[in-house]
Protein backbone atom coordinates (compact mmCIF):
# COMPACT_ATOMS: atom_id res chain seq x y z
CA MET A 1 26.85 -2.70 -34.10
CA SER A 2 28.36 -2.67 -30.61
CA GLU A 3 26.80 -4.65 -27.78
CA LYS A 4 24.80 -2.58 -25.30
CA VAL A 5 26.25 -2.55 -21.82
CA TYR A 6 23.02 -1.47 -20.10
CA ILE A 7 19.54 -2.89 -19.60
CA THR A 8 17.04 -1.47 -22.06
CA ARG A 9 13.45 -0.58 -21.24
CA ASP A 10 12.10 -3.65 -23.05
CA GLU A 11 14.55 -5.94 -21.26
CA GLY A 12 13.85 -4.38 -17.88
CA GLU A 13 10.08 -4.74 -18.04
CA ALA A 14 10.55 -8.49 -17.63
CA LEU A 15 11.88 -7.73 -14.11
CA SER A 16 14.50 -10.43 -14.51
CA PHE A 17 18.01 -9.79 -15.75
CA ASN A 18 21.66 -10.39 -14.94
CA TYR A 19 22.48 -9.43 -11.36
CA ASP A 20 26.01 -8.44 -12.41
CA TYR A 21 24.64 -5.14 -13.73
CA LYS A 22 25.12 -2.22 -11.35
CA GLN A 23 22.98 0.76 -10.45
CA VAL A 24 23.90 3.99 -12.20
CA PHE A 25 22.01 7.05 -10.95
CA HIS A 26 20.73 10.03 -12.91
CA HIS A 27 22.53 12.28 -10.42
CA GLU A 28 24.35 12.01 -7.13
CA SER A 29 22.03 12.41 -4.15
CA SER A 30 23.51 15.26 -2.13
CA GLN A 31 21.84 17.21 0.63
CA PRO A 32 24.14 20.26 0.15
CA LYS A 33 23.10 20.39 -3.52
CA THR A 34 19.41 20.28 -2.59
CA LEU A 35 17.45 23.50 -2.13
CA PRO A 36 16.50 24.39 1.48
CA GLU A 37 13.20 22.96 2.63
CA TYR A 38 11.42 26.32 2.73
CA ALA A 39 12.40 27.02 -0.89
CA LEU A 40 11.14 23.63 -2.06
CA ILE A 41 7.85 24.06 -0.20
CA LYS A 42 7.33 27.48 -1.76
CA TRP A 43 8.08 26.06 -5.19
CA PHE A 44 5.73 23.13 -4.64
CA VAL A 45 2.69 25.12 -3.50
CA LYS A 46 2.98 27.41 -6.54
CA GLN A 47 2.57 24.51 -8.97
CA PRO A 48 -0.75 24.10 -10.82
CA GLU A 49 -3.18 21.86 -8.99
CA GLN A 50 -3.11 18.86 -11.37
CA PRO A 51 0.70 18.50 -11.53
CA LYS A 52 0.94 19.17 -7.81
CA GLN A 53 -1.47 16.34 -7.04
CA MET A 54 0.46 14.02 -9.33
CA MET A 55 3.76 14.97 -7.71
CA LEU A 56 2.47 14.23 -4.23
CA GLU A 57 0.98 10.87 -5.27
CA VAL A 58 4.18 9.88 -7.07
CA LEU A 59 6.42 10.84 -4.16
CA GLY A 60 4.14 9.15 -1.63
CA PHE A 61 4.03 5.95 -3.66
CA ILE A 62 7.79 5.78 -4.07
CA TYR A 63 8.23 6.53 -0.37
CA LYS A 64 6.00 3.57 0.45
CA PHE A 65 7.42 1.09 -2.07
CA THR A 66 11.05 2.37 -2.32
CA PHE A 67 11.26 1.88 -6.11
CA ALA A 68 8.84 2.14 -9.03
CA THR A 69 8.99 2.19 -12.80
CA ARG A 70 7.25 4.81 -14.89
CA ASP A 71 4.61 2.28 -15.97
CA GLN A 72 3.93 1.35 -12.36
CA LEU A 73 3.50 5.00 -11.44
CA GLU A 74 1.03 5.45 -14.31
CA ARG A 75 -0.96 2.41 -13.13
CA MET A 76 -1.05 3.82 -9.61
CA LEU A 77 -2.41 7.15 -10.84
CA ARG A 78 -5.12 5.40 -12.85
CA LEU A 79 -6.11 3.40 -9.76
CA LYS A 80 -6.62 6.67 -7.92
CA GLY A 81 -8.66 8.11 -10.75
CA ILE A 82 -5.99 10.66 -11.68
CA ASP A 83 -5.33 11.57 -15.30
CA ALA A 84 -1.71 10.50 -15.96
CA GLU A 85 -1.25 12.86 -18.89
CA GLY A 86 1.81 14.95 -18.19
CA LEU A 87 3.49 12.30 -16.00
CA ASP A 88 6.78 12.58 -17.89
CA SER A 89 6.84 16.33 -17.32
CA VAL A 90 6.10 15.82 -13.62
CA LEU A 91 8.90 13.28 -13.27
CA GLN A 92 11.33 15.65 -14.94
CA LYS A 93 10.38 18.45 -12.54
CA LEU A 94 10.90 16.13 -9.58
CA LEU A 95 14.33 15.22 -10.94
CA ASP A 96 15.23 18.88 -11.50
CA GLN A 97 14.23 19.77 -7.92
CA ARG A 98 16.07 16.75 -6.51
CA MET A 99 12.86 15.38 -5.05
CA ALA A 100 13.26 12.22 -7.11
CA ASN A 101 16.10 10.33 -8.71
CA PHE A 102 16.31 7.26 -10.89
CA CYS A 103 18.81 4.55 -11.61
CA TYR A 104 19.41 2.39 -14.63
CA PHE A 105 21.48 -0.78 -14.79
CA SER A 106 24.79 -1.06 -16.59
CA LYS A 107 27.92 -3.16 -16.58
CA PHE A 108 29.78 0.02 -15.67
CA ASP A 109 29.14 3.75 -15.29
CA GLN A 110 29.59 5.12 -18.79
CA GLY A 111 29.41 8.75 -17.74
CA GLY A 112 27.63 11.27 -19.91
CA PRO A 113 23.86 11.37 -20.54
CA VAL A 114 21.53 8.51 -19.68
CA PRO A 115 20.67 6.41 -22.77
CA ASP A 116 17.17 7.21 -24.00
CA ASP A 117 16.11 3.56 -24.06
CA ALA A 118 17.57 2.60 -20.67
CA PHE A 119 15.29 0.91 -18.13
CA ARG A 120 14.66 3.55 -15.46
CA VAL A 121 13.68 2.84 -11.88
CA TYR A 122 12.60 5.85 -9.81
CA CYS A 123 13.44 6.44 -6.17
CA LEU A 124 13.29 9.39 -3.78
CA ASP A 125 15.84 12.11 -3.27
CA PHE A 126 16.48 14.47 -0.36
CA GLY A 127 14.13 17.17 -1.61
CA ALA A 128 11.12 14.88 -1.19
CA VAL A 129 11.43 14.63 2.58
CA GLY A 130 10.21 18.15 3.38
CA VAL A 131 7.32 18.04 0.91
CA LEU A 132 6.15 14.64 2.14
CA SER A 133 6.43 15.72 5.78
CA HIS A 134 4.29 18.80 5.11
CA PHE A 135 1.66 17.32 2.80
CA TYR A 136 1.70 13.51 2.99
CA CYS A 137 2.48 12.15 6.46
CA ASP A 138 4.40 12.97 9.61
CA ASN A 139 7.92 11.89 10.50
CA VAL A 140 9.16 11.09 7.02
CA THR A 141 12.71 9.76 7.08
CA TRP A 142 14.80 8.88 4.06
CA PHE A 143 18.49 8.29 3.49
CA SER A 144 20.31 8.15 0.18
CA THR A 145 21.52 4.66 1.13
CA ASP A 146 17.88 3.46 1.02
CA ALA A 147 18.14 3.56 -2.76
CA MET A 148 21.64 2.08 -2.98
CA VAL A 149 21.01 -1.66 -2.94
CA ARG A 150 21.96 -4.71 -4.96
CA THR A 151 20.32 -5.12 -8.35
CA GLU A 152 18.54 -8.28 -7.22
CA LEU A 153 16.95 -6.38 -4.33
CA VAL A 154 15.71 -3.64 -6.66
CA LEU A 155 13.97 -6.34 -8.70
CA LYS A 156 12.48 -7.82 -5.54
CA TYR A 157 11.06 -4.41 -4.58
CA LEU A 158 9.66 -3.93 -8.08
CA THR A 159 7.92 -7.31 -8.09
CA THR A 160 6.30 -6.44 -4.76
CA THR A 161 5.07 -3.20 -6.31
CA LEU A 162 3.74 -5.15 -9.29
CA PHE A 163 1.87 -7.53 -6.97
CA TYR A 164 0.27 -4.63 -5.08
CA LEU A 165 -0.92 -2.92 -8.26
CA SER A 166 -2.38 -6.15 -9.61
CA MET A 167 -4.08 -6.88 -6.29
CA ALA A 168 -5.50 -3.36 -5.99
CA GLU A 169 -6.85 -3.51 -9.54
CA ALA A 170 -8.48 -6.91 -8.97
CA ARG A 171 -9.88 -6.48 -5.47
CA GLY A 172 -10.39 -2.72 -5.10
CA LYS A 173 -11.84 -1.80 -1.72
CA ALA A 174 -11.71 -5.43 -0.58
CA LEU A 175 -7.96 -4.92 -0.20
CA GLN A 176 -8.05 -3.64 3.38
CA TYR A 177 -4.36 -2.78 3.64
CA PHE A 178 -1.03 -3.52 1.99
CA LYS A 179 2.22 -2.98 3.89
CA PRO A 180 5.34 -3.38 1.73
CA VAL A 181 8.68 -4.18 3.37
CA TYR A 182 7.06 -5.87 6.35
CA ASP A 183 9.40 -6.30 9.32
CA VAL A 184 8.74 -8.53 12.31
CA THR A 185 10.82 -9.47 15.34
CA ILE A 186 11.52 -13.04 16.35
CA GLY A 187 13.11 -12.92 19.79
CA HIS A 188 16.43 -11.21 19.14
CA ARG A 189 16.20 -11.69 15.39
CA ASP A 190 14.54 -9.62 12.71
CA ILE A 191 12.84 -10.96 9.62
CA ARG A 192 11.76 -8.96 6.60
CA PHE A 193 8.96 -10.13 4.35
CA SER A 194 8.19 -8.47 1.03
CA ALA A 195 4.76 -7.39 2.29
CA ALA A 196 1.77 -8.12 4.49
CA PHE A 197 -1.80 -7.49 3.37
CA ALA A 198 -5.39 -8.27 4.24
CA ILE A 199 -8.45 -8.90 2.08
CA LEU A 200 -11.99 -8.52 3.34
CA GLN A 201 -14.21 -11.54 2.91
CA GLY A 202 -17.53 -9.95 3.71
CA HIS A 203 -16.67 -8.07 6.89
CA THR A 204 -13.91 -10.47 7.94
CA PRO A 205 -10.29 -9.55 7.13
CA LEU A 206 -8.08 -12.45 6.06
CA SER A 207 -4.35 -11.91 6.42
CA PHE A 208 -1.55 -12.78 4.01
CA ILE A 209 2.22 -12.53 3.94
CA LEU A 210 3.91 -11.99 0.57
CA GLU A 211 7.46 -13.07 -0.15
CA SER A 212 9.08 -12.42 -3.51
CA VAL A 213 11.48 -15.32 -4.06
CA ARG A 214 13.98 -14.71 -6.84
CA ALA A 215 16.41 -17.01 -8.66
CA TYR A 216 19.31 -15.82 -6.54
CA ASP A 217 17.48 -16.93 -3.36
CA LEU A 218 17.39 -20.56 -4.47
CA PRO A 219 18.19 -22.89 -2.98
CA SER A 220 20.54 -21.87 -0.16
CA GLY A 221 19.26 -18.39 0.67
CA TRP A 222 15.61 -19.46 0.77
CA ASP A 223 16.42 -22.63 2.69
CA ASP A 224 18.32 -20.61 5.29
CA LYS A 225 15.56 -18.01 5.66
CA VAL A 226 12.85 -20.62 6.07
CA ASP A 227 14.89 -22.66 8.54
CA LYS A 228 16.21 -19.86 10.75
CA LYS A 229 13.44 -17.29 10.55
CA ILE A 230 10.16 -18.49 9.10
CA VAL A 231 10.05 -21.75 11.08
CA PRO A 232 10.28 -19.95 14.46
CA PHE A 233 7.82 -17.32 13.26
CA ALA A 234 5.26 -19.76 11.89
CA CYS A 235 5.83 -23.04 13.70
CA GLN A 236 8.02 -23.46 16.76
CA ASP A 237 7.16 -20.44 18.84
CA LYS A 238 4.24 -19.10 16.79
CA TYR A 239 5.48 -15.54 16.85
CA TRP A 240 2.88 -14.83 14.18
CA THR A 241 0.28 -14.46 16.96
CA LYS A 242 2.06 -11.26 18.02
CA TYR A 243 1.22 -9.66 14.67
CA PHE A 244 -1.90 -11.52 13.50
CA SER A 245 -4.32 -12.02 16.37
CA ASP A 246 -7.30 -13.54 14.56
CA ALA A 247 -5.79 -16.31 12.44
CA GLU A 248 -2.50 -17.45 10.99
CA PRO A 249 -1.71 -15.64 7.72
CA VAL A 250 -1.60 -17.42 4.39
CA TYR A 251 1.77 -17.20 2.62
CA ILE A 252 1.94 -16.10 -1.02
CA PHE A 253 5.23 -16.74 -2.81
CA LEU A 254 5.89 -14.70 -5.95
CA VAL A 255 8.41 -16.56 -8.13
CA GLU A 256 9.95 -16.16 -11.55
CA ASP A 257 8.72 -19.41 -13.14
CA GLU A 258 7.15 -22.77 -12.34
CA GLU A 259 10.48 -24.56 -11.94
CA GLN A 260 11.48 -22.13 -9.21
CA ALA A 261 7.97 -22.36 -7.76
CA LEU A 262 8.38 -26.09 -7.19
CA GLU A 263 11.77 -25.64 -5.53
CA THR A 264 10.40 -22.83 -3.34
CA ALA A 265 7.40 -24.92 -2.32
CA ARG A 266 9.40 -28.06 -1.55
CA ILE A 267 11.80 -26.20 0.71
CA PHE A 268 8.98 -24.44 2.56
CA TYR A 269 6.94 -27.62 3.04
CA ARG A 270 9.97 -29.69 4.05
CA ARG A 271 10.92 -27.19 6.75
CA THR A 272 7.44 -26.23 8.03
CA GLY A 273 5.07 -29.07 7.13
CA LYS A 274 2.46 -26.39 6.43
CA ASP A 275 0.17 -26.19 3.43
CA ASN A 276 -1.19 -22.68 4.04
CA PHE A 277 0.60 -21.21 1.05
CA ARG A 278 0.15 -20.58 -2.65
CA LEU A 279 2.58 -19.55 -5.37
CA ILE A 280 2.24 -17.33 -8.41
CA THR A 281 4.70 -16.65 -11.21
CA ASP A 282 5.67 -13.24 -12.53
CA GLY A 283 4.12 -14.13 -15.88
CA GLN A 284 0.74 -14.95 -14.37
CA LEU A 285 0.79 -11.77 -12.33
CA LYS A 286 1.53 -9.59 -15.34
CA GLY A 287 -1.57 -10.95 -17.07
CA GLY A 288 -3.77 -9.61 -14.27
CA LEU A 289 -5.02 -11.35 -11.15
CA ASP A 290 -8.52 -11.80 -12.57
CA LYS A 291 -7.06 -14.28 -15.06
CA ALA A 292 -4.13 -15.51 -12.98
CA VAL A 293 -3.57 -19.14 -12.06
CA PHE A 294 -2.00 -19.85 -8.69
CA LEU A 295 0.02 -22.92 -7.81
CA LYS A 296 -0.81 -25.24 -4.93
CA TYR A 297 1.76 -27.69 -3.59
CA ILE A 298 0.64 -31.33 -3.46
CA PRO A 299 2.95 -33.49 -1.32
CA ASN A 300 3.80 -36.99 -2.48
CA ALA A 301 2.01 -39.42 -0.14
CA GLU A 302 4.92 -41.89 -0.26
CA ASP A 303 7.59 -39.28 0.44
CA PRO A 304 5.84 -36.01 1.50
CA VAL A 305 8.96 -34.36 2.88
CA LYS A 306 11.21 -34.45 -0.17
CA THR A 307 8.93 -34.65 -3.18
CA GLY A 308 5.69 -33.22 -4.42
CA THR A 309 4.05 -31.55 -7.39
CA LEU A 310 2.24 -28.34 -8.20
CA LYS A 311 -1.43 -28.07 -9.08
CA LYS A 312 -2.85 -25.06 -10.90
CA VAL A 313 -5.76 -23.46 -9.07
CA LYS A 314 -7.88 -20.33 -9.18
CA SER A 315 -8.39 -18.21 -6.08
CA SER A 316 -11.60 -16.27 -5.55
CA LEU A 317 -10.17 -14.51 -2.52
CA LEU A 318 -7.10 -13.13 -4.26
CA SER A 319 -8.36 -12.64 -7.79
CA GLY A 320 -12.10 -12.27 -7.42
CA GLY A 321 -12.54 -15.28 -9.71
CA SER A 322 -13.70 -18.82 -8.96
CA ASP A 323 -12.83 -20.84 -5.86
CA ASP A 324 -9.73 -23.02 -5.59
CA ASN A 325 -10.17 -26.11 -7.71
């Protein structure tokens, strides 16, 4: 039996695989091959109400989060109280109308049909822009290059999406807002966080910044980002006050495993001296935030800059469970 040269659905659901695999798209995104906007709008409004609602929710979600798996899209529909039956048919229609596309990950483009068991990640296509502008929000912009990114960045986007879904399921209306791909300006520099969100504690919103830290970030990439961007934002010049007026946000670091969590925490603490952060692994997140255990960094009193350990805690604010302990 020959070795598979692509990531299968089961392998992909772990959201961690070899970064050497490349994106291969279902079809080439091409504006000339896309129907005119008026034709797509006419087609869309003629669809039955249930599929039409699903299409708009799916397109809007992918527009907001850039990438999503089929399972993530189904979870999103359930959160909104929408029956997800027929989702596969809806996705196929969006592909046929070039409103959506998907990529899978392979060592090389094999040509021919997409393998049935390939791990598919959905993104937008040109046809979505007109529909979203008419029925979802104003001033929708999208470029085909938005979906053409390194494999490791696709996984980072998907883990952000996973965190949002888990948070929305656990906290419901207490989740005041969630802004994926959160950009801030530090003087003449830009910094991109995975997301910013706020949770209501009573009537008081508490702010958080999410950063998905992957294996490829460690140690040099994360060290460089903390030193050159997060330190000015959080410490030296306190640029955070430009974006969070009430109180400094708490940082949440989403990591692949506990070993990487410790390295992430040590670098952040060494550079910032701050303890307003928690970490959570992909595995804990996948089990649901109501049951999830977060990780708190405990500096070593004898050498707090270079060493330290992690303590497992529960968070009532994030998961709705018990207080940190």
